Amino acid sequence: MSQTVFARILNVSPSTVQKWEAPKAQKHPSGAAAKMLQLIEQNGIEAVL
């Protein structure tokens, strides 16, 4: 899945997803985005679609 599509699912900007995935990321997901990522990790992307 592209970062753009993933960003739309999480309702964040594509640049935010890029920053999270950067090798030396200084930005980490928090709040609702962090919870959503946890749900996706545990149950797959289908859990939030």
Protein backbone atom coordinates (compact mmCIF):
# COMPACT_ATOMS: atom_id res chain seq x y z
CA MET A 1 0.00 0.00 0.00
CA SER A 2 1.33 3.43 -0.85
CA GLN A 3 2.05 6.02 1.80
CA THR A 4 -0.60 8.26 0.23
CA VAL A 5 -3.32 5.61 0.55
CA PHE A 6 -2.23 4.74 4.08
CA ALA A 7 -2.25 8.43 5.03
CA ARG A 8 -5.83 8.75 3.75
CA ILE A 9 -6.93 5.77 5.84
CA LEU A 10 -5.38 7.34 8.95
CA ASN A 11 -6.57 10.83 8.02
CA VAL A 12 -3.07 12.30 8.15
CA SER A 13 -0.92 13.88 5.45
CA PRO A 14 1.36 11.75 3.28
CA SER A 15 4.32 13.77 4.56
CA THR A 16 3.44 12.71 8.11
CA VAL A 17 3.58 9.04 7.11
CA GLN A 18 6.90 9.69 5.35
CA LYS A 19 8.30 11.25 8.52
CA TRP A 20 7.15 8.27 10.60
CA GLU A 21 8.89 5.89 8.21
CA ALA A 22 12.13 7.85 7.85
CA PRO A 23 15.20 5.88 9.00
CA LYS A 24 16.09 8.52 11.57
CA ALA A 25 12.51 9.47 12.39
CA GLN A 26 12.13 12.09 15.03
CA LYS A 27 8.38 12.14 14.59
CA HIS A 28 6.30 9.32 16.01
CA PRO A 29 2.57 8.74 15.82
CA SER A 30 0.55 9.73 18.87
CA GLY A 31 -3.04 9.93 19.99
CA ALA A 32 -5.66 8.56 17.61
CA ALA A 33 -3.08 7.75 14.91
CA ALA A 34 -1.04 5.64 17.33
CA LYS A 35 -4.18 3.74 18.40
CA MET A 36 -5.18 3.20 14.78
CA LEU A 37 -1.72 1.84 13.95
CA GLN A 38 -1.94 -0.51 16.92
CA LEU A 39 -5.30 -1.83 15.69
CA ILE A 40 -3.89 -2.31 12.19
CA GLU A 41 -0.85 -4.14 13.52
CA GLN A 42 -2.96 -6.48 15.62
CA ASN A 43 -5.90 -7.08 13.26
CA GLY A 44 -4.76 -6.07 9.77
CA ILE A 45 -5.78 -3.11 7.67
CA GLU A 46 -9.29 -4.54 7.32
CA ALA A 47 -9.93 -3.55 10.95
CA VAL A 48 -10.11 0.12 10.01
CA LEU A 49 -11.64 -0.01 6.55
